[in-house]
């Protein structure tokens, strides 16, 4: 294998470590009349009906393995997933919908998820499956707004450079399903929320905008995000008015920690970036690398990240106590403030930035890819570069700086080579960055 193939093999091992089959199988078991979910035991003889609802890139696959455990005990369900991540289920309806901007299917399927939630009564159990992407897939609109208003807002939010915590604070306060509101529809039934995390720090209130967990953000926080990123002049008036009415107390706040609503609720995070990094580390060590996990909370912009990568590479490269070759692992999610009209995503953009900013360091291979197999508005997961990528591109009259300025990393790698393609992985725990040092 060459270094590109080696880096990709390590990445794929990380993805394999967070596939829903293993995660759900480790969490849920049925023995006789007892259903065990994590530490919680449910007597199936005392449960009238079991409903399964959810949303996210991994949720349909999660639903498949929940069906494997519960089978005909499931009465009904509905899960919303991204186009291309469809899994045919026996007892649970699956709808494909828009991501990262909600579409007609998102809004229509969410109404049906709410219909299922409303059916649940005191002696029922609702199993909620959420993963990354759930915020756009589980979508509704506030009073006096339109679908187009919400689509326009979501498009602005994902391009403005705000992190996912700030973006979701806005989404939660323009919704009757996010930010714990779905729990209100499920109550008084018992419910279990099973999460595959795609947010830094694994904050349960931010994964899929926390439909079934307490919310700590407020209407004031939501409006503050729009002001911070200078979006208030571009946001539809109907949405701004909704937030302002919330601040004035006209609109109901999201349910907060300590609300009795959550007394019959249990929440489990079964997959995370840290778990994926551990699986990648195991694979790298098998391949003979001295391997180090640096962080699972990578954040900021690509230029700042590359400055840190450069400093870190020199530190590990020059440490004679560390046996070479070395594999450095990072996880998280950078943010891009997109100003060009090209094609790509944050992983391809980061890989192209790394090709330019780290090209003078010999013996380096750099991979950045999304664990969901999808980067931005492309079908690629990310890209891999090395110390020679920029020089080889220039020799073919390909200008890396031009592609970077235009946010057109996809077409750079289409010309120069280096794309990572996996297809949908049916999981999503943010991104993985791998640096190999010869």
Protein backbone atom coordinates (compact mmCIF):
# COMPACT_ATOMS: atom_id res chain seq x y z
CA UNK A 1 0.00 0.00 0.00
CA UNK A 2 1.09 3.58 -0.61
CA UNK A 3 0.59 6.23 2.06
CA UNK A 4 -2.73 7.40 0.60
CA UNK A 5 -4.16 3.88 0.76
CA UNK A 6 -2.81 3.41 4.27
CA UNK A 7 -4.47 6.61 5.52
CA UNK A 8 -7.75 5.57 3.89
CA UNK A 9 -7.58 2.12 5.50
CA UNK A 10 -7.15 3.73 8.93
CA UNK A 11 -10.08 6.06 8.24
CA UNK A 12 -12.36 3.19 7.18
CA UNK A 13 -11.48 1.29 10.35
CA UNK A 14 -12.65 4.31 12.32
CA UNK A 15 -15.96 4.35 10.44
CA UNK A 16 -16.41 0.62 10.99
CA UNK A 17 -16.08 1.17 14.73
CA UNK A 18 -19.25 3.29 14.81
CA UNK A 19 -21.55 1.38 12.47
CA UNK A 20 -25.07 1.06 13.93
CA UNK A 21 -25.16 -2.73 13.91
CA UNK A 22 -22.45 -3.04 16.53
CA UNK A 23 -23.65 -0.03 18.52
CA UNK A 24 -27.30 -1.14 18.78
CA UNK A 25 -26.32 -4.78 19.34
CA UNK A 26 -24.17 -3.78 22.30
CA UNK A 27 -26.92 -1.60 23.78
CA UNK A 28 -30.18 -3.55 23.38
CA UNK A 29 -31.09 -7.14 24.26
CA UNK A 30 -34.30 -9.07 24.90
CA UNK A 31 -34.29 -11.99 27.34
CA UNK A 32 -37.67 -13.58 27.88
CA UNK A 33 -40.06 -10.75 28.70
CA UNK A 34 -37.32 -8.26 29.58
CA UNK A 35 -35.93 -5.59 27.29
CA UNK A 36 -32.62 -4.20 28.43
CA UNK A 37 -31.47 -0.89 26.96
CA UNK A 38 -28.17 0.08 28.53
CA UNK A 39 -28.68 0.09 32.29
CA UNK A 40 -32.48 0.34 31.97
CA UNK A 41 -34.69 -2.76 32.19
CA UNK A 42 -38.24 -2.81 30.77
CA UNK A 43 -40.81 -5.53 31.49
CA UNK A 44 -42.39 -6.19 28.10
CA UNK A 45 -45.42 -7.77 29.77
CA UNK A 46 -46.25 -4.36 31.24
CA UNK A 47 -45.78 -2.41 28.02
CA UNK A 48 -48.83 -2.03 25.81
CA UNK A 49 -47.25 -0.75 22.58
CA UNK A 50 -43.75 0.08 21.38
CA UNK A 51 -43.30 2.93 18.90
CA UNK A 52 -40.05 3.81 17.11
CA UNK A 53 -39.41 7.31 15.72
CA UNK A 54 -36.29 9.15 14.67
CA UNK A 55 -34.33 11.25 12.20
CA UNK A 56 -30.78 11.44 10.95
CA UNK A 57 -28.31 10.04 8.46
CA UNK A 58 -27.81 6.92 10.59
CA UNK A 59 -31.35 6.56 11.94
CA UNK A 60 -32.78 4.20 9.31
CA UNK A 61 -29.86 1.84 9.80
CA UNK A 62 -30.30 2.13 13.56
CA UNK A 63 -33.97 1.26 13.05
CA UNK A 64 -33.00 -1.89 11.15
CA UNK A 65 -31.04 -3.20 14.13
CA UNK A 66 -33.76 -2.18 16.59
CA UNK A 67 -36.16 -4.26 14.49
CA UNK A 68 -33.70 -7.15 14.70
CA UNK A 69 -33.97 -6.99 18.49
CA UNK A 70 -37.68 -6.26 18.92
CA UNK A 71 -39.25 -7.67 15.76
CA UNK A 72 -43.05 -7.89 15.90
CA UNK A 73 -43.13 -6.23 19.32
CA UNK A 74 -42.92 -2.89 17.47
CA UNK A 75 -46.41 -1.52 16.81
CA UNK A 76 -45.54 1.34 14.48
CA UNK A 77 -42.88 3.89 13.69
CA UNK A 78 -41.52 6.49 11.31
CA UNK A 79 -37.91 7.49 10.66
CA UNK A 80 -36.65 10.29 8.41
CA UNK A 81 -33.24 9.87 6.76
CA UNK A 82 -31.17 11.60 4.10
CA UNK A 83 -31.52 10.77 0.43
CA UNK A 84 -29.26 7.81 -0.30
CA UNK A 85 -29.39 6.44 3.26
CA UNK A 86 -32.69 4.58 2.87
CA UNK A 87 -33.10 1.20 4.55
CA UNK A 88 -36.29 -0.82 3.97
CA UNK A 89 -37.82 -1.74 7.33
CA UNK A 90 -40.66 -4.09 8.20
CA UNK A 91 -42.54 -2.28 10.98
CA UNK A 92 -41.14 1.24 10.70
CA UNK A 93 -41.86 3.61 7.81
CA UNK A 94 -38.78 5.33 6.37
CA UNK A 95 -38.87 8.63 4.45
CA UNK A 96 -35.91 10.16 2.63
CA UNK A 97 -35.69 13.94 2.86
CA UNK A 98 -33.48 17.00 2.33
CA UNK A 99 -30.16 17.72 4.02
CA UNK A 100 -28.64 20.16 4.99
CA UNK A 101 -31.67 22.20 3.91
CA UNK A 102 -35.11 20.68 4.63
CA UNK A 103 -37.43 19.98 1.72
CA UNK A 104 -41.08 19.06 1.22
CA UNK A 105 -40.46 15.50 2.42
CA UNK A 106 -38.87 16.80 5.62
CA UNK A 107 -41.93 18.80 6.56
CA UNK A 108 -44.48 16.15 5.55
CA UNK A 109 -42.67 13.26 7.25
CA UNK A 110 -42.23 15.29 10.44
CA UNK A 111 -46.00 15.67 10.64
CA UNK A 112 -46.30 11.87 10.54
CA UNK A 113 -43.59 11.43 13.21
CA UNK A 114 -45.65 13.74 15.42
CA UNK A 115 -48.76 11.71 14.66
CA UNK A 116 -47.00 8.57 15.90
CA UNK A 117 -45.74 10.40 19.01
CA UNK A 118 -49.25 11.63 19.79
CA UNK A 119 -50.52 8.03 19.83
CA UNK A 120 -48.28 7.04 22.75
CA UNK A 121 -50.06 6.66 26.08
CA UNK A 122 -49.09 6.00 29.68
CA UNK A 123 -48.40 2.26 29.26
CA UNK A 124 -46.44 2.59 26.00
CA UNK A 125 -42.72 2.88 25.24
CA UNK A 126 -41.33 5.16 22.54
CA UNK A 127 -37.82 4.48 21.23
CA UNK A 128 -36.28 7.59 19.62
CA UNK A 129 -33.34 7.20 17.25
CA UNK A 130 -31.40 10.35 16.36
CA UNK A 131 -28.12 11.06 14.63
CA UNK A 132 -26.41 13.82 12.73
CA UNK A 133 -28.55 15.43 10.07
CA UNK A 134 -31.69 15.18 12.19
CA UNK A 135 -32.01 18.94 12.49
CA UNK A 136 -32.89 19.43 8.82
CA UNK A 137 -34.66 16.11 8.36
CA UNK A 138 -37.03 16.60 11.32
CA UNK A 139 -38.38 19.97 10.25
CA UNK A 140 -41.44 22.09 10.92
CA UNK A 141 -42.36 25.76 10.67
CA UNK A 142 -43.54 28.27 13.27
CA UNK A 143 -46.89 30.07 13.01
CA UNK A 144 -47.19 32.60 10.17
CA UNK A 145 -44.05 31.31 8.42
CA UNK A 146 -43.66 29.28 5.23
CA UNK A 147 -41.56 26.30 4.21
CA UNK A 148 -39.54 28.65 2.01
CA UNK A 149 -38.78 30.86 5.03
CA UNK A 150 -37.27 27.93 6.91
CA UNK A 151 -35.35 26.68 3.89
CA UNK A 152 -33.86 30.14 3.36
CA UNK A 153 -32.87 30.40 7.03
CA UNK A 154 -31.25 26.95 7.10
CA UNK A 155 -29.25 27.72 3.99
CA UNK A 156 -27.93 30.94 5.58
CA UNK A 157 -27.10 29.22 8.87
CA UNK A 158 -25.00 26.43 7.36
CA UNK A 159 -22.97 28.95 5.33
CA UNK A 160 -22.48 31.75 7.88
CA UNK A 161 -19.55 30.20 9.79
CA UNK A 162 -21.40 29.58 13.06
CA UNK A 163 -20.77 26.32 14.90
CA UNK A 164 -23.46 23.66 15.25
CA UNK A 165 -24.33 24.65 18.83
CA UNK A 166 -25.21 28.20 17.76
CA UNK A 167 -27.00 27.05 14.62
CA UNK A 168 -29.14 24.63 16.58
CA UNK A 169 -30.02 27.26 19.20
CA UNK A 170 -31.76 29.14 16.39
CA UNK A 171 -33.39 26.05 14.94
CA UNK A 172 -34.76 24.95 18.32
CA UNK A 173 -36.52 28.25 18.91
CA UNK A 174 -38.26 28.22 15.56
CA UNK A 175 -39.66 24.75 16.02
CA UNK A 176 -42.40 22.84 17.79
CA UNK A 177 -40.47 19.57 17.64
CA UNK A 178 -36.81 20.42 18.35
CA UNK A 179 -35.33 21.48 21.70
CA UNK A 180 -37.36 19.03 23.79
CA UNK A 181 -40.72 19.86 22.22
CA UNK A 182 -41.07 16.33 20.79
CA UNK A 183 -40.93 15.01 24.37
CA UNK A 184 -44.06 17.04 25.11
CA UNK A 185 -45.85 15.21 22.29
CA UNK A 186 -44.68 11.79 23.53
CA UNK A 187 -45.65 12.38 27.18
CA UNK A 188 -47.02 10.68 29.26
CA UNK A 189 -45.40 7.58 27.69
CA UNK A 190 -41.97 6.37 28.76
CA UNK A 191 -39.32 7.07 26.14
CA UNK A 192 -35.70 6.17 25.41
CA UNK A 193 -33.48 8.33 23.22
CA UNK A 194 -30.59 6.55 21.46
CA UNK A 195 -28.03 8.87 19.89
CA UNK A 196 -25.10 8.70 17.52
CA UNK A 197 -23.30 11.96 18.22
CA UNK A 198 -22.10 14.36 15.54
CA UNK A 199 -21.41 17.34 17.81
CA UNK A 200 -18.27 18.35 19.70
CA UNK A 201 -18.43 17.29 23.33
CA UNK A 202 -21.39 14.96 22.57
CA UNK A 203 -23.94 17.47 23.89
CA UNK A 204 -27.25 15.62 23.80
CA UNK A 205 -29.21 18.88 23.48
CA UNK A 206 -27.43 19.63 20.19
CA UNK A 207 -27.55 16.23 18.45
CA UNK A 208 -30.38 16.60 15.89
CA UNK A 209 -31.33 19.76 17.86
CA UNK A 210 -32.31 17.68 20.91
CA UNK A 211 -35.97 16.84 20.19
CA UNK A 212 -36.43 14.67 23.29
CA UNK A 213 -34.01 16.16 25.83
CA UNK A 214 -33.95 19.33 27.96
CA UNK A 215 -32.70 22.51 26.30
CA UNK A 216 -30.49 25.11 27.96
CA UNK A 217 -30.63 27.75 25.22
CA UNK A 218 -33.21 30.56 25.05
CA UNK A 219 -35.00 32.78 22.57
CA UNK A 220 -32.52 35.50 23.51
CA UNK A 221 -29.62 33.20 22.60
CA UNK A 222 -31.21 32.40 19.25
CA UNK A 223 -31.69 36.04 18.28
CA UNK A 224 -28.17 36.78 19.51
CA UNK A 225 -26.73 34.27 17.02
CA UNK A 226 -28.49 35.97 14.12
CA UNK A 227 -27.17 39.35 15.31
CA UNK A 228 -23.64 38.03 15.82
CA UNK A 229 -23.42 36.75 12.24
CA UNK A 230 -25.21 39.80 10.77
CA UNK A 231 -28.14 37.78 9.47
CA UNK A 232 -31.07 39.75 10.90
CA UNK A 233 -31.51 41.82 7.75
CA UNK A 234 -31.71 38.65 5.66
CA UNK A 235 -33.97 36.52 7.88
CA UNK A 236 -37.67 36.46 6.89
CA UNK A 237 -39.73 38.80 9.07
CA UNK A 238 -42.02 35.97 10.18
CA UNK A 239 -39.10 34.16 11.82
CA UNK A 240 -37.64 37.27 13.46
CA UNK A 241 -41.05 38.14 14.87
CA UNK A 242 -41.38 34.63 16.31
CA UNK A 243 -38.06 34.95 18.15
CA UNK A 244 -38.93 38.41 19.46
CA UNK A 245 -42.32 37.17 20.67
CA UNK A 246 -40.49 34.39 22.48
CA UNK A 247 -38.26 36.90 24.25
CA UNK A 248 -41.39 38.83 25.27
CA UNK A 249 -42.98 35.66 26.66
CA UNK A 250 -45.67 35.32 24.01
CA UNK A 251 -44.15 32.04 22.78
CA UNK A 252 -43.48 29.04 25.02
CA UNK A 253 -39.82 28.40 25.86
CA UNK A 254 -38.21 25.04 25.23
CA UNK A 255 -38.45 22.65 28.23
CA UNK A 256 -35.48 23.02 30.58
CA UNK A 257 -33.44 20.64 32.80
CA UNK A 258 -35.48 19.56 35.82
CA UNK A 259 -38.79 19.61 33.97
CA UNK A 260 -40.98 16.69 35.19
CA UNK A 261 -41.58 15.97 31.51
CA UNK A 262 -38.31 14.01 31.45
CA UNK A 263 -38.87 11.84 34.54
CA UNK A 264 -39.74 8.79 32.40
CA UNK A 265 -36.96 9.49 29.90
CA UNK A 266 -33.60 7.79 29.42
CA UNK A 267 -30.86 8.90 27.02
CA UNK A 268 -27.91 6.89 25.67
CA UNK A 269 -25.07 7.99 23.39
CA UNK A 270 -23.95 4.81 21.61
CA UNK A 271 -21.65 6.27 18.97
CA UNK A 272 -19.22 9.18 19.05
CA UNK A 273 -16.14 10.56 17.38
CA UNK A 274 -13.97 9.32 20.26
CA UNK A 275 -15.12 5.73 19.65
CA UNK A 276 -14.27 6.08 15.94
CA UNK A 277 -10.84 7.50 16.77
CA UNK A 278 -10.12 4.58 19.10
CA UNK A 279 -11.00 2.13 16.32
CA UNK A 280 -8.75 4.04 13.90
CA UNK A 281 -5.94 4.00 16.47
CA UNK A 282 -6.18 0.22 16.81
CA UNK A 283 -5.88 -0.18 13.04
CA UNK A 284 -2.94 2.23 12.77
CA UNK A 285 -1.07 0.40 15.50
CA UNK A 286 -1.63 -2.90 13.67
CA UNK A 287 0.01 -1.28 10.65
CA UNK A 288 3.09 -0.38 12.71
CA UNK A 289 2.46 3.30 13.52
CA UNK A 290 3.13 4.96 16.85
CA UNK A 291 -0.36 6.41 17.16
CA UNK A 292 -1.73 9.32 19.15
CA UNK A 293 -5.27 10.71 19.46
CA UNK A 294 -4.84 14.47 19.80
CA UNK A 295 -8.46 15.59 20.13
CA UNK A 296 -12.07 14.69 19.34
CA UNK A 297 -13.07 18.38 19.55
CA UNK A 298 -11.38 19.88 16.54
CA UNK A 299 -12.99 23.23 15.78
CA UNK A 300 -12.34 26.58 14.14
CA UNK A 301 -11.46 27.34 10.52
CA UNK A 302 -9.12 25.42 8.17
CA UNK A 303 -6.35 28.07 8.22
CA UNK A 304 -6.19 28.07 12.00
CA UNK A 305 -6.36 24.29 12.14
CA UNK A 306 -3.47 23.94 9.66
CA UNK A 307 -1.31 26.25 11.77
CA UNK A 308 -1.89 23.92 14.73
CA UNK A 309 -1.30 20.82 12.58
CA UNK A 310 2.01 22.30 11.42
CA UNK A 311 3.19 22.93 14.97
CA UNK A 312 2.05 19.45 16.07
CA UNK A 313 3.77 17.70 13.16
CA UNK A 314 7.09 19.36 13.98
CA UNK A 315 6.75 18.41 17.65
CA UNK A 316 6.15 14.71 16.98
CA UNK A 317 8.56 14.54 14.03
CA UNK A 318 11.44 15.99 16.06
CA UNK A 319 10.87 13.95 19.23
CA UNK A 320 13.54 11.25 19.13
CA UNK A 321 11.79 9.33 21.90
CA UNK A 322 8.83 8.60 19.58
CA UNK A 323 9.37 5.70 17.21
CA UNK A 324 8.59 6.43 13.57
CA UNK A 325 6.40 6.19 11.54
CA UNK A 326 3.77 8.17 13.44
CA UNK A 327 0.01 8.46 13.00
CA UNK A 328 -1.74 11.49 14.49
CA UNK A 329 -5.54 11.37 14.81
CA UNK A 330 -7.94 14.27 15.19
CA UNK A 331 -11.73 14.37 15.25
CA UNK A 332 -14.34 17.08 15.26
CA UNK A 333 -15.86 19.51 12.84
CA UNK A 334 -14.41 22.70 11.42
CA UNK A 335 -16.60 25.56 10.21
CA UNK A 336 -16.47 27.28 6.84
CA UNK A 337 -17.72 30.73 6.01
CA UNK A 338 -18.40 30.09 2.34
CA UNK A 339 -17.90 33.05 0.00
CA UNK A 340 -17.21 31.28 -3.30
CA UNK A 341 -19.57 29.50 -5.66
CA UNK A 342 -17.58 26.30 -6.16
CA UNK A 343 -18.28 22.72 -5.12
CA UNK A 344 -16.87 20.97 -2.08
CA UNK A 345 -17.17 20.63 1.65
CA UNK A 346 -15.19 21.32 4.79
CA UNK A 347 -13.08 18.14 4.50
CA UNK A 348 -12.01 18.69 0.90
CA UNK A 349 -11.43 22.38 1.67
CA UNK A 350 -9.28 21.43 4.68
CA UNK A 351 -7.29 18.88 2.67
CA UNK A 352 -6.61 21.48 -0.03
CA UNK A 353 -5.60 24.02 2.61
CA UNK A 354 -3.24 21.42 4.12
CA UNK A 355 -1.71 20.69 0.70
CA UNK A 356 -0.80 24.37 0.44
CA UNK A 357 0.20 25.12 4.03
CA UNK A 358 2.11 21.90 4.83
CA UNK A 359 3.74 21.28 1.45
CA UNK A 360 7.22 22.25 2.61
CA UNK A 361 7.29 19.46 5.22
CA UNK A 362 8.53 16.25 3.55
CA UNK A 363 7.15 12.81 4.32
CA UNK A 364 3.66 13.90 5.34
CA UNK A 365 0.31 12.38 4.31
CA UNK A 366 -2.86 14.20 5.31
CA UNK A 367 -6.45 12.87 5.12
CA UNK A 368 -9.67 14.60 6.12
CA UNK A 369 -13.02 12.90 5.61
CA UNK A 370 -16.56 12.77 6.99
CA UNK A 371 -17.61 9.57 8.73
CA UNK A 372 -21.02 9.81 7.01
CA UNK A 373 -19.36 9.45 3.61
CA UNK A 374 -20.60 12.83 2.43
CA UNK A 375 -18.74 16.12 2.31
CA UNK A 376 -20.68 19.28 1.54
CA UNK A 377 -22.61 19.32 -1.72
CA UNK A 378 -20.65 16.40 -3.21
CA UNK A 379 -20.75 12.62 -3.19
CA UNK A 380 -17.21 12.39 -1.80
CA UNK A 381 -16.29 11.79 1.85
CA UNK A 382 -13.18 13.97 1.73
CA UNK A 383 -9.67 13.90 0.32
CA UNK A 384 -6.09 12.85 0.98
CA UNK A 385 -2.94 14.81 0.09
CA UNK A 386 0.78 14.55 0.70
CA UNK A 387 3.90 16.69 0.59
CA UNK A 388 4.02 16.48 -3.21
CA UNK A 389 0.38 17.24 -4.02
CA UNK A 390 0.83 20.95 -4.68
CA UNK A 391 3.98 20.52 -6.79
CA UNK A 392 2.32 17.81 -8.90
CA UNK A 393 -0.75 20.00 -9.40
CA UNK A 394 1.33 22.98 -10.52
CA UNK A 395 3.23 20.77 -12.98
CA UNK A 396 -0.17 19.99 -14.57
CA UNK A 397 -1.06 23.72 -14.67
CA UNK A 398 -3.62 23.29 -11.89
CA UNK A 399 -3.64 26.32 -9.58
CA UNK A 400 -4.49 25.20 -5.99
CA UNK A 401 -4.82 28.75 -4.68
CA UNK A 402 -7.48 29.60 -7.26
CA UNK A 403 -9.57 26.58 -6.31
CA UNK A 404 -9.18 27.45 -2.63
CA UNK A 405 -10.32 31.04 -3.12
CA UNK A 406 -13.38 29.92 -5.04
CA UNK A 407 -14.26 27.23 -2.45
CA UNK A 408 -14.02 24.74 -5.29
CA UNK A 409 -12.02 21.97 -3.63
CA UNK A 410 -14.13 19.25 -5.26
CA UNK A 411 -13.03 20.23 -8.74
CA UNK A 412 -9.41 20.59 -7.62
CA UNK A 413 -9.33 16.98 -6.47
CA UNK A 414 -11.31 15.83 -9.49
CA UNK A 415 -8.43 17.20 -11.59
CA UNK A 416 -5.48 16.44 -9.33
CA UNK A 417 -6.68 13.20 -7.72
CA UNK A 418 -6.98 12.39 -4.04
CA UNK A 419 -10.72 12.04 -3.44
CA UNK A 420 -11.98 9.66 -0.75
CA UNK A 421 -15.21 7.94 -1.80
CA UNK A 422 -17.15 5.58 0.44
CA UNK A 423 -20.80 6.08 -0.48
CA UNK A 424 -23.28 6.44 2.41
CA UNK A 425 -21.86 4.81 5.54
CA UNK A 426 -25.13 4.83 7.53
CA UNK A 427 -23.38 6.45 10.48
CA UNK A 428 -22.23 9.96 11.34
CA UNK A 429 -19.83 11.03 14.11
CA UNK A 430 -18.34 14.17 12.55
CA UNK A 431 -14.99 14.13 10.72
CA UNK A 432 -11.65 12.37 11.10
CA UNK A 433 -8.28 13.89 10.23
CA UNK A 434 -5.29 11.57 9.87
CA UNK A 435 -1.68 12.73 9.56
CA UNK A 436 0.99 10.15 8.76
CA UNK A 437 4.63 11.08 9.42
CA UNK A 438 7.25 8.88 7.74
